[in-house]
Each structure stands twice: as structure tokens, then as C-alpha cells.
PDB file of N, CA and C in Angstrom:
ATOM      1  N   MET A   1     -42.308 -14.000  40.787  1.00  0.00           N
ATOM      2  CA  MET A   1     -41.139 -14.525  40.153  1.00  0.00           C
ATOM      3  C   MET A   1     -41.411 -14.755  38.683  1.00  0.00           C
ATOM      4  N   GLY A   2     -40.479 -14.378  37.842  1.00  0.00           N
ATOM      5  CA  GLY A   2     -40.675 -14.556  36.418  1.00  0.00           C
ATOM      6  C   GLY A   2     -40.068 -15.860  35.931  1.00  0.00           C
ATOM      7  N   LEU A   3     -40.015 -15.944  34.650  1.00  0.00           N
ATOM      8  CA  LEU A   3     -39.410 -17.120  34.036  1.00  0.00           C
ATOM      9  C   LEU A   3     -37.905 -17.092  34.240  1.00  0.00           C
ATOM     10  N   PRO A   4     -37.280 -18.259  34.330  1.00  0.00           N
ATOM     11  CA  PRO A   4     -35.828 -18.254  34.476  1.00  0.00           C
ATOM     12  C   PRO A   4     -35.158 -17.714  33.206  1.00  0.00           C
ATOM     13  N   ALA A   5     -34.007 -17.124  33.375  1.00  0.00           N
ATOM     14  CA  ALA A   5     -33.274 -16.569  32.229  1.00  0.00           C
ATOM     15  C   ALA A   5     -32.857 -17.697  31.299  1.00  0.00           C
ATOM     16  N   LYS A   6     -32.928 -17.424  30.010  1.00  0.00           N
ATOM     17  CA  LYS A   6     -32.580 -18.437  29.027  1.00  0.00           C
ATOM     18  C   LYS A   6     -31.064 -18.461  28.848  1.00  0.00           C
ATOM     19  N   LEU A   7     -30.478 -19.608  29.011  1.00  0.00           N
ATOM     20  CA  LEU A   7     -29.042 -19.757  28.847  1.00  0.00           C
ATOM     21  C   LEU A   7     -28.734 -20.197  27.429  1.00  0.00           C
ATOM     22  N   GLY A   8     -27.563 -19.802  26.959  1.00  0.00           N
ATOM     23  CA  GLY A   8     -27.112 -20.254  25.650  1.00  0.00           C
ATOM     24  C   GLY A   8     -26.624 -21.687  25.734  1.00  0.00           C
ATOM     25  N   ASN A   9     -26.004 -22.147  24.700  1.00  0.00           N
ATOM     26  CA  ASN A   9     -25.464 -23.486  24.670  1.00  0.00           C
ATOM     27  C   ASN A   9     -24.261 -23.535  25.604  1.00  0.00           C
ATOM     28  N   VAL A  10     -24.377 -24.254  26.703  1.00  0.00           N
ATOM     29  CA  VAL A  10     -23.304 -24.308  27.689  1.00  0.00           C
ATOM     30  C   VAL A  10     -22.262 -25.363  27.361  1.00  0.00           C
ATOM     31  N   ASP A  11     -22.556 -26.239  26.423  1.00  0.00           N
ATOM     32  CA  ASP A  11     -21.581 -27.261  26.048  1.00  0.00           C
ATOM     33  C   ASP A  11     -20.426 -26.660  25.255  1.00  0.00           C
ATOM     34  N   ARG A  12     -20.721 -25.646  24.497  1.00  0.00           N
ATOM     35  CA  ARG A  12     -19.716 -25.059  23.615  1.00  0.00           C
ATOM     36  C   ARG A  12     -19.764 -23.544  23.790  1.00  0.00           C
ATOM     37  N   PRO A  13     -18.603 -22.905  24.000  1.00  0.00           N
ATOM     38  CA  PRO A  13     -18.629 -21.447  24.160  1.00  0.00           C
ATOM     39  C   PRO A  13     -18.990 -20.757  22.843  1.00  0.00           C
ATOM     40  N   ALA A  14     -19.581 -19.602  22.968  1.00  0.00           N
ATOM     41  CA  ALA A  14     -19.972 -18.836  21.778  1.00  0.00           C
ATOM     42  C   ALA A  14     -18.723 -18.358  21.042  1.00  0.00           C
ATOM     43  N   ARG A  15     -18.790 -18.310  19.710  1.00  0.00           N
ATOM     44  CA  ARG A  15     -17.669 -17.826  18.903  1.00  0.00           C
ATOM     45  C   ARG A  15     -17.607 -16.304  18.995  1.00  0.00           C
ATOM     46  N   PRO A  16     -16.423 -15.776  19.093  1.00  0.00           N
ATOM     47  CA  PRO A  16     -16.308 -14.310  19.103  1.00  0.00           C
ATOM     48  C   PRO A  16     -16.809 -13.728  17.785  1.00  0.00           C
ATOM     49  N   ARG A  17     -17.435 -12.585  17.859  1.00  0.00           N
ATOM     50  CA  ARG A  17     -17.992 -11.963  16.658  1.00  0.00           C
ATOM     51  C   ARG A  17     -16.934 -11.411  15.724  1.00  0.00           C
ATOM     52  N   HIS A  18     -15.760 -11.060  16.258  1.00  0.00           N
ATOM     53  CA  HIS A  18     -14.731 -10.450  15.415  1.00  0.00           C
ATOM     54  C   HIS A  18     -14.210 -11.421  14.362  1.00  0.00           C
ATOM     55  N   ARG A  19     -14.314 -12.716  14.586  1.00  0.00           N
ATOM     56  CA  ARG A  19     -13.847 -13.671  13.584  1.00  0.00           C
ATOM     57  C   ARG A  19     -14.701 -13.612  12.329  1.00  0.00           C
ATOM     58  N   ALA A  20     -15.985 -13.394  12.497  1.00  0.00           N
ATOM     59  CA  ALA A  20     -16.867 -13.311  11.339  1.00  0.00           C
ATOM     60  C   ALA A  20     -16.521 -12.094  10.486  1.00  0.00           C
ATOM     61  N   ARG A  21     -16.089 -11.025  11.116  1.00  0.00           N
ATOM     62  CA  ARG A  21     -15.717  -9.830  10.369  1.00  0.00           C
ATOM     63  C   ARG A  21     -14.376 -10.001   9.660  1.00  0.00           C
ATOM     64  N   ASN A  22     -13.512 -10.872  10.171  1.00  0.00           N
ATOM     65  CA  ASN A  22     -12.197 -11.062   9.578  1.00  0.00           C
ATOM     66  C   ASN A  22     -12.221 -12.019   8.386  1.00  0.00           C
ATOM     67  N   ARG A  23     -13.322 -12.707   8.172  1.00  0.00           N
ATOM     68  CA  ARG A  23     -13.381 -13.677   7.094  1.00  0.00           C
ATOM     69  C   ARG A  23     -13.092 -13.077   5.719  1.00  0.00           C
ATOM     70  N   PRO A  24     -13.693 -11.954   5.336  1.00  0.00           N
ATOM     71  CA  PRO A  24     -13.361 -11.378   4.024  1.00  0.00           C
ATOM     72  C   PRO A  24     -11.897 -10.958   3.923  1.00  0.00           C
ATOM     73  N   VAL A  25     -11.324 -10.479   5.022  1.00  0.00           N
ATOM     74  CA  VAL A  25      -9.926 -10.064   5.010  1.00  0.00           C
ATOM     75  C   VAL A  25      -9.027 -11.281   4.822  1.00  0.00           C
ATOM     76  N   ARG A  26      -9.341 -12.367   5.510  1.00  0.00           N
ATOM     77  CA  ARG A  26      -8.546 -13.588   5.359  1.00  0.00           C
ATOM     78  C   ARG A  26      -8.676 -14.156   3.955  1.00  0.00           C
ATOM     79  N   ARG A  27      -9.865 -14.091   3.402  1.00  0.00           N
ATOM     80  CA  ARG A  27     -10.065 -14.585   2.032  1.00  0.00           C
ATOM     81  C   ARG A  27      -9.261 -13.733   1.051  1.00  0.00           C
ATOM     82  N   LEU A  28      -9.276 -12.414   1.239  1.00  0.00           N
ATOM     83  CA  LEU A  28      -8.508 -11.523   0.371  1.00  0.00           C
ATOM     84  C   LEU A  28      -7.017 -11.798   0.508  1.00  0.00           C
ATOM     85  N   ALA A  29      -6.537 -11.972   1.733  1.00  0.00           N
ATOM     86  CA  ALA A  29      -5.115 -12.265   1.948  1.00  0.00           C
ATOM     87  C   ALA A  29      -4.733 -13.581   1.282  1.00  0.00           C
ATOM     88  N   GLY A  30      -5.597 -14.578   1.372  1.00  0.00           N
ATOM     89  CA  GLY A  30      -5.332 -15.857   0.713  1.00  0.00           C
ATOM     90  C   GLY A  30      -5.287 -15.727  -0.796  1.00  0.00           C
ATOM     91  N   GLN A  31      -6.183 -14.942  -1.345  1.00  0.00           N
ATOM     92  CA  GLN A  31      -6.199 -14.732  -2.792  1.00  0.00           C
ATOM     93  C   GLN A  31      -4.961 -13.964  -3.250  1.00  0.00           C
ATOM     94  N   LEU A  32      -4.535 -12.953  -2.476  1.00  0.00           N
ATOM     95  CA  LEU A  32      -3.319 -12.224  -2.811  1.00  0.00           C
ATOM     96  C   LEU A  32      -2.097 -13.138  -2.764  1.00  0.00           C
ATOM     97  N   ALA A  33      -2.015 -13.976  -1.745  1.00  0.00           N
ATOM     98  CA  ALA A  33      -0.890 -14.904  -1.635  1.00  0.00           C
ATOM     99  C   ALA A  33      -0.887 -15.888  -2.801  1.00  0.00           C
ATOM    100  N   GLU A  34      -2.051 -16.373  -3.167  1.00  0.00           N
ATOM    101  CA  GLU A  34      -2.155 -17.292  -4.298  1.00  0.00           C
ATOM    102  C   GLU A  34      -1.726 -16.612  -5.599  1.00  0.00           C
ATOM    103  N   GLY A  35      -2.126 -15.374  -5.792  1.00  0.00           N
ATOM    104  CA  GLY A  35      -1.734 -14.630  -6.981  1.00  0.00           C
ATOM    105  C   GLY A  35      -0.236 -14.379  -7.033  1.00  0.00           C
ATOM    106  N   LEU A  36       0.364 -14.054  -5.886  1.00  0.00           N
ATOM    107  CA  LEU A  36       1.814 -13.845  -5.847  1.00  0.00           C
ATOM    108  C   LEU A  36       2.574 -15.134  -6.130  1.00  0.00           C
ATOM    109  N   ARG A  37       2.070 -16.260  -5.599  1.00  0.00           N
ATOM    110  CA  ARG A  37       2.717 -17.540  -5.901  1.00  0.00           C
ATOM    111  C   ARG A  37       2.623 -17.859  -7.384  1.00  0.00           C
ATOM    112  N   ALA A  38       1.470 -17.586  -7.991  1.00  0.00           N
ATOM    113  CA  ALA A  38       1.303 -17.845  -9.421  1.00  0.00           C
ATOM    114  C   ALA A  38       2.213 -16.936 -10.243  1.00  0.00           C
ATOM    115  N   ALA A  39       2.332 -15.663  -9.860  1.00  0.00           N
ATOM    116  CA  ALA A  39       3.188 -14.729 -10.595  1.00  0.00           C
ATOM    117  C   ALA A  39       4.657 -15.081 -10.419  1.00  0.00           C
ATOM    118  N   ALA A  40       5.033 -15.551  -9.241  1.00  0.00           N
ATOM    119  CA  ALA A  40       6.436 -15.910  -8.997  1.00  0.00           C
ATOM    120  C   ALA A  40       6.842 -17.152  -9.781  1.00  0.00           C
ATOM    121  N   GLY A  41       5.880 -17.952 -10.159  1.00  0.00           N
ATOM    122  CA  GLY A  41       6.189 -19.177 -10.884  1.00  0.00           C
ATOM    123  C   GLY A  41       6.423 -18.976 -12.369  1.00  0.00           C
ATOM    124  N   VAL A  42       6.099 -17.809 -12.904  1.00  0.00           N
ATOM    125  CA  VAL A  42       6.239 -17.553 -14.342  1.00  0.00           C
ATOM    126  C   VAL A  42       7.253 -16.420 -14.520  1.00  0.00           C
ATOM    127  N   ALA A  43       8.378 -16.725 -15.183  1.00  0.00           N
ATOM    128  CA  ALA A  43       9.450 -15.732 -15.321  1.00  0.00           C
ATOM    129  C   ALA A  43       9.001 -14.515 -16.130  1.00  0.00           C
ATOM    130  N   ALA A  44       8.106 -14.717 -17.096  1.00  0.00           N
ATOM    131  CA  ALA A  44       7.643 -13.597 -17.923  1.00  0.00           C
ATOM    132  C   ALA A  44       6.821 -12.598 -17.113  1.00  0.00           C
ATOM    133  N   ILE A  45       6.302 -13.022 -15.972  1.00  0.00           N
ATOM    134  CA  ILE A  45       5.537 -12.126 -15.093  1.00  0.00           C
ATOM    135  C   ILE A  45       6.400 -11.679 -13.926  1.00  0.00           C
ATOM    136  N   ARG A  46       7.225 -12.583 -13.425  1.00  0.00           N
ATOM    137  CA  ARG A  46       8.010 -12.310 -12.217  1.00  0.00           C
ATOM    138  C   ARG A  46       8.942 -11.116 -12.383  1.00  0.00           C
ATOM    139  N   TRP A  47       9.730 -11.049 -13.453  1.00  0.00           N
ATOM    140  CA  TRP A  47      10.724  -9.988 -13.600  1.00  0.00           C
ATOM    141  C   TRP A  47      10.103  -8.622 -13.832  1.00  0.00           C
ATOM    142  N   PRO A  48       9.096  -8.481 -14.686  1.00  0.00           N
ATOM    143  CA  PRO A  48       8.455  -7.154 -14.786  1.00  0.00           C
ATOM    144  C   PRO A  48       7.790  -6.721 -13.474  1.00  0.00           C
ATOM    145  N   LEU A  49       7.211  -7.685 -12.754  1.00  0.00           N
ATOM    146  CA  LEU A  49       6.580  -7.356 -11.479  1.00  0.00           C
ATOM    147  C   LEU A  49       7.622  -6.888 -10.463  1.00  0.00           C
ATOM    148  N   LEU A  50       8.766  -7.542 -10.427  1.00  0.00           N
ATOM    149  CA  LEU A  50       9.842  -7.107  -9.534  1.00  0.00           C
ATOM    150  C   LEU A  50      10.389  -5.744  -9.938  1.00  0.00           C
ATOM    151  N   ALA A  51      10.483  -5.486 -11.240  1.00  0.00           N
ATOM    152  CA  ALA A  51      10.969  -4.182 -11.709  1.00  0.00           C
ATOM    153  C   ALA A  51      10.012  -3.064 -11.293  1.00  0.00           C
ATOM    154  N   VAL A  52       8.714  -3.307 -11.414  1.00  0.00           N
ATOM    155  CA  VAL A  52       7.728  -2.300 -11.008  1.00  0.00           C
ATOM    156  C   VAL A  52       7.783  -2.090  -9.496  1.00  0.00           C
ATOM    157  N   ALA A  53       7.930  -3.169  -8.734  1.00  0.00           N
ATOM    158  CA  ALA A  53       8.008  -3.042  -7.276  1.00  0.00           C
ATOM    159  C   ALA A  53       9.254  -2.255  -6.867  1.00  0.00           C
ATOM    160  N   ALA A  54      10.393  -2.527  -7.511  1.00  0.00           N
ATOM    161  CA  ALA A  54      11.617  -1.775  -7.203  1.00  0.00           C
ATOM    162  C   ALA A  54      11.464  -0.305  -7.577  1.00  0.00           C
ATOM    163  N   HIS A  55      10.833  -0.039  -8.711  1.00  0.00           N
ATOM    164  CA  HIS A  55      10.606   1.347  -9.138  1.00  0.00           C
ATOM    165  C   HIS A  55       9.750   2.090  -8.121  1.00  0.00           C
ATOM    166  N   ARG A  56       8.662   1.465  -7.684  1.00  0.00           N
ATOM    167  CA  ARG A  56       7.768   2.115  -6.710  1.00  0.00           C
ATOM    168  C   ARG A  56       8.478   2.346  -5.383  1.00  0.00           C
ATOM    169  N   LEU A  57       9.317   1.384  -4.974  1.00  0.00           N
ATOM    170  CA  LEU A  57      10.056   1.538  -3.730  1.00  0.00           C
ATOM    171  C   LEU A  57      11.019   2.720  -3.814  1.00  0.00           C
ATOM    172  N   LEU A  58      11.766   2.794  -4.905  1.00  0.00           N
ATOM    173  CA  LEU A  58      12.726   3.891  -5.056  1.00  0.00           C
ATOM    174  C   LEU A  58      12.030   5.236  -5.236  1.00  0.00           C
ATOM    175  N   LEU A  59      10.932   5.259  -5.959  1.00  0.00           N
ATOM    176  CA  LEU A  59      10.193   6.501  -6.131  1.00  0.00           C
ATOM    177  C   LEU A  59       9.620   6.982  -4.800  1.00  0.00           C
ATOM    178  N   GLY A  60       9.077   6.067  -4.021  1.00  0.00           N
ATOM    179  CA  GLY A  60       8.563   6.422  -2.700  1.00  0.00           C
ATOM    180  C   GLY A  60       9.661   6.931  -1.786  1.00  0.00           C
ATOM    181  N   ALA A  61      10.830   6.277  -1.841  1.00  0.00           N
ATOM    182  CA  ALA A  61      11.962   6.718  -1.019  1.00  0.00           C
ATOM    183  C   ALA A  61      12.414   8.111  -1.446  1.00  0.00           C
ATOM    184  N   GLY A  62      12.361   8.389  -2.743  1.00  0.00           N
ATOM    185  CA  GLY A  62      12.741   9.720  -3.225  1.00  0.00           C
ATOM    186  C   GLY A  62      11.842  10.809  -2.671  1.00  0.00           C
ATOM    187  N   PHE A  63      10.546  10.521  -2.581  1.00  0.00           N
ATOM    188  CA  PHE A  63       9.631  11.525  -2.034  1.00  0.00           C
ATOM    189  C   PHE A  63       9.827  11.701  -0.537  1.00  0.00           C
ATOM    190  N   VAL A  64      10.181  10.636   0.161  1.00  0.00           N
ATOM    191  CA  VAL A  64      10.473  10.765   1.595  1.00  0.00           C
ATOM    192  C   VAL A  64      11.720  11.624   1.791  1.00  0.00           C
ATOM    193  N   VAL A  65      12.749  11.395   0.969  1.00  0.00           N
ATOM    194  CA  VAL A  65      13.967  12.201   1.056  1.00  0.00           C
ATOM    195  C   VAL A  65      13.653  13.659   0.718  1.00  0.00           C
ATOM    196  N   LEU A  66      12.778  13.879  -0.261  1.00  0.00           N
ATOM    197  CA  LEU A  66      12.392  15.249  -0.611  1.00  0.00           C
ATOM    198  C   LEU A  66      11.765  15.959   0.591  1.00  0.00           C
ATOM    199  N   VAL A  67      10.914  15.273   1.314  1.00  0.00           N
ATOM    200  CA  VAL A  67      10.294  15.862   2.505  1.00  0.00           C
ATOM    201  C   VAL A  67      11.354  16.171   3.553  1.00  0.00           C
ATOM    202  N   LEU A  68      12.268  15.233   3.773  1.00  0.00           N
ATOM    203  CA  LEU A  68      13.300  15.450   4.797  1.00  0.00           C
ATOM    204  C   LEU A  68      14.220  16.615   4.446  1.00  0.00           C
ATOM    205  N   ILE A  69      14.613  16.693   3.188  1.00  0.00           N
ATOM    206  CA  ILE A  69      15.489  17.796   2.768  1.00  0.00           C
ATOM    207  C   ILE A  69      14.741  19.121   2.829  1.00  0.00           C
ATOM    208  N   ALA A  70      13.498  19.130   2.381  1.00  0.00           N
ATOM    209  CA  ALA A  70      12.716  20.368   2.413  1.00  0.00           C
ATOM    210  C   ALA A  70      12.542  20.868   3.830  1.00  0.00           C
ATOM    211  N   ASP A  71      12.430  19.954   4.772  1.00  0.00           N
ATOM    212  CA  ASP A  71      12.218  20.351   6.162  1.00  0.00           C
ATOM    213  C   ASP A  71      13.521  20.732   6.855  1.00  0.00           C
ATOM    214  N   SER A  72      14.542  19.904   6.726  1.00  0.00           N
ATOM    215  CA  SER A  72      15.754  20.134   7.515  1.00  0.00           C
ATOM    216  C   SER A  72      16.703  21.153   6.887  1.00  0.00           C
ATOM    217  N   ARG A  73      16.914  21.087   5.594  1.00  0.00           N
ATOM    218  CA  ARG A  73      17.915  21.955   4.984  1.00  0.00           C
ATOM    219  C   ARG A  73      17.358  23.322   4.595  1.00  0.00           C
ATOM    220  N   TYR A  74      16.176  23.315   3.998  1.00  0.00           N
ATOM    221  CA  TYR A  74      15.611  24.568   3.482  1.00  0.00           C
ATOM    222  C   TYR A  74      14.558  25.182   4.394  1.00  0.00           C
ATOM    223  N   ARG A  75      14.191  24.489   5.465  1.00  0.00           N
ATOM    224  CA  ARG A  75      13.202  24.977   6.427  1.00  0.00           C
ATOM    225  C   ARG A  75      11.887  25.374   5.751  1.00  0.00           C
ATOM    226  N   LEU A  76      11.464  24.567   4.798  1.00  0.00           N
ATOM    227  CA  LEU A  76      10.233  24.866   4.072  1.00  0.00           C
ATOM    228  C   LEU A  76       9.015  24.410   4.875  1.00  0.00           C
ATOM    229  N   GLN A  77       7.955  25.151   4.736  1.00  0.00           N
ATOM    230  CA  GLN A  77       6.687  24.778   5.353  1.00  0.00           C
ATOM    231  C   GLN A  77       5.955  23.826   4.399  1.00  0.00           C
ATOM    232  N   ILE A  78       4.707  23.586   4.679  1.00  0.00           N
ATOM    233  CA  ILE A  78       3.897  22.713   3.826  1.00  0.00           C
ATOM    234  C   ILE A  78       3.808  23.272   2.411  1.00  0.00           C
ATOM    235  N   SER A  79       3.624  24.566   2.280  1.00  0.00           N
ATOM    236  CA  SER A  79       3.521  25.162   0.943  1.00  0.00           C
ATOM    237  C   SER A  79       4.837  25.019   0.180  1.00  0.00           C
ATOM    238  N   GLY A  80       5.957  25.114   0.876  1.00  0.00           N
ATOM    239  CA  GLY A  80       7.251  24.932   0.237  1.00  0.00           C
ATOM    240  C   GLY A  80       7.430  23.510  -0.266  1.00  0.00           C
ATOM    241  N   TYR A  81       6.939  22.549   0.503  1.00  0.00           N
ATOM    242  CA  TYR A  81       6.988  21.162   0.055  1.00  0.00           C
ATOM    243  C   TYR A  81       6.108  20.976  -1.176  1.00  0.00           C
ATOM    244  N   GLY A  82       4.973  21.639  -1.202  1.00  0.00           N
ATOM    245  CA  GLY A  82       4.099  21.565  -2.379  1.00  0.00           C
ATOM    246  C   GLY A  82       4.774  22.132  -3.617  1.00  0.00           C
ATOM    247  N   VAL A  83       5.499  23.223  -3.452  1.00  0.00           N
ATOM    248  CA  VAL A  83       6.231  23.813  -4.580  1.00  0.00           C
ATOM    249  C   VAL A  83       7.337  22.863  -5.047  1.00  0.00           C
ATOM    250  N   ALA A  84       8.049  22.245  -4.100  1.00  0.00           N
ATOM    251  CA  ALA A  84       9.102  21.294  -4.462  1.00  0.00           C
ATOM    252  C   ALA A  84       8.519  20.079  -5.178  1.00  0.00           C
ATOM    253  N   LEU A  85       7.376  19.623  -4.739  1.00  0.00           N
ATOM    254  CA  LEU A  85       6.703  18.486  -5.391  1.00  0.00           C
ATOM    255  C   LEU A  85       6.242  18.875  -6.791  1.00  0.00           C
ATOM    256  N   ALA A  86       5.720  20.085  -6.946  1.00  0.00           N
ATOM    257  CA  ALA A  86       5.302  20.557  -8.268  1.00  0.00           C
ATOM    258  C   ALA A  86       6.503  20.684  -9.199  1.00  0.00           C
ATOM    259  N   ALA A  87       7.632  21.171  -8.679  1.00  0.00           N
ATOM    260  CA  ALA A  87       8.841  21.270  -9.499  1.00  0.00           C
ATOM    261  C   ALA A  87       9.317  19.896  -9.940  1.00  0.00           C
ATOM    262  N   THR A  88       9.192  18.898  -9.056  1.00  0.00           N
ATOM    263  CA  THR A  88       9.549  17.534  -9.420  1.00  0.00           C
ATOM    264  C   THR A  88       8.659  17.020 -10.539  1.00  0.00           C
ATOM    265  N   GLY A  89       7.367  17.295 -10.444  1.00  0.00           N
ATOM    266  CA  GLY A  89       6.440  16.881 -11.500  1.00  0.00           C
ATOM    267  C   GLY A  89       6.717  17.566 -12.820  1.00  0.00           C
ATOM    268  N   LEU A  90       6.997  18.861 -12.775  1.00  0.00           N
ATOM    269  CA  LEU A  90       7.324  19.591 -14.007  1.00  0.00           C
ATOM    270  C   LEU A  90       8.618  19.074 -14.636  1.00  0.00           C
ATOM    271  N   ALA A  91       9.599  18.764 -13.794  1.00  0.00           N
ATOM    272  CA  ALA A  91      10.863  18.229 -14.318  1.00  0.00           C
ATOM    273  C   ALA A  91      10.643  16.857 -14.961  1.00  0.00           C
ATOM    274  N   ALA A  92       9.800  16.036 -14.357  1.00  0.00           N
ATOM    275  CA  ALA A  92       9.507  14.718 -14.939  1.00  0.00           C
ATOM    276  C   ALA A  92       8.784  14.884 -16.279  1.00  0.00           C
ATOM    277  N   PHE A  93       7.865  15.815 -16.346  1.00  0.00           N
ATOM    278  CA  PHE A  93       7.149  16.084 -17.594  1.00  0.00           C
ATOM    279  C   PHE A  93       8.108  16.595 -18.680  1.00  0.00           C
ATOM    280  N   ALA A  94       8.994  17.510 -18.296  1.00  0.00           N
ATOM    281  CA  ALA A  94       9.974  18.035 -19.254  1.00  0.00           C
ATOM    282  C   ALA A  94      10.924  16.930 -19.716  1.00  0.00           C
ATOM    283  N   GLY A  95      11.289  16.051 -18.832  1.00  0.00           N
ATOM    284  CA  GLY A  95      12.133  14.917 -19.197  1.00  0.00           C
ATOM    285  C   GLY A  95      11.448  13.990 -20.174  1.00  0.00           C
ATOM    286  N   THR A  96      10.145  13.784 -19.993  1.00  0.00           N
ATOM    287  CA  THR A  96       9.376  12.961 -20.911  1.00  0.00           C
ATOM    288  C   THR A  96       9.327  13.600 -22.289  1.00  0.00           C
ATOM    289  N   LEU A  97       9.070  14.899 -22.322  1.00  0.00           N
ATOM    290  CA  LEU A  97       9.036  15.602 -23.613  1.00  0.00           C
ATOM    291  C   LEU A  97      10.398  15.569 -24.307  1.00  0.00           C
ATOM    292  N   ALA A  98      11.475  15.710 -23.522  1.00  0.00           N
ATOM    293  CA  ALA A  98      12.816  15.680 -24.110  1.00  0.00           C
ATOM    294  C   ALA A  98      13.138  14.285 -24.656  1.00  0.00           C
ATOM    295  N   ALA A  99      12.654  13.256 -23.987  1.00  0.00           N
ATOM    296  CA  ALA A  99      12.907  11.886 -24.453  1.00  0.00           C
ATOM    297  C   ALA A  99      12.135  11.586 -25.726  1.00  0.00           C
ATOM    298  N   LEU A 100      10.980  12.225 -25.904  1.00  0.00           N
ATOM    299  CA  LEU A 100      10.159  12.003 -27.103  1.00  0.00           C
ATOM    300  C   LEU A 100      10.622  12.796 -28.310  1.00  0.00           C
ATOM    301  N   ALA A 101      11.416  13.839 -28.059  1.00  0.00           N
ATOM    302  CA  ALA A 101      11.869  14.707 -29.163  1.00  0.00           C
ATOM    303  C   ALA A 101      12.831  13.942 -30.071  1.00  0.00           C
ATOM    304  N   PRO A 102      12.717  14.140 -31.403  1.00  0.00           N
ATOM    305  CA  PRO A 102      13.603  13.399 -32.321  1.00  0.00           C
ATOM    306  C   PRO A 102      15.021  13.894 -32.312  1.00  0.00           C
TER     307      PRO A 102
END
């Protein structure tokens, strides 16, 4: 007969290991929330931040619509979507140049 098996602390259950891995994520989430609260409290930061968020939302929605139209209406494959995306980029570049022209 060997030695008896060593038991852990039976008074308190062991902590799950996944909580230790979530600590950096929780700290990051807390820091992000704190930063958003600080930005929301200052009007000089709040309105430009909201404008950028609205711009990104609308731009992202535009690319989703581009994919849907390329697929359903024009029956384009992946390469066709790439061409449509490149045309969008070229048009944006041309628009920038036209806006800069005197």
C-alpha cells in the first residue's frame, strides 16, 4: 500500500482557471468603458467621436450593400466584387482630387 492521495483544500473549492485568463479582458473592458465615459463628458470630444462613429457605420453599411448588389443583381463572383471595390476606391480618389482642384 502506498501513501494516501493528497487532497486539496476541502474547505474551499478551487477557483476555475478560466477566470484567471479573463482578467486582462475584464481590465481592458473596464478601461474602455472608463474612456468612453470620459469622452462622453466633454462636448469637444463627444461630437467628433460620434461623427466618426456614424461615418464608419455608414461606410461599413455601404460595403455590405455593395456585396449584396454585386451578388444578387449582377451575379458577380469574388473577382467581380474585387473589381467593384477597386472602382469604389478609384472613385473616392478621383473625388478627393476633384475637391482639391482650385
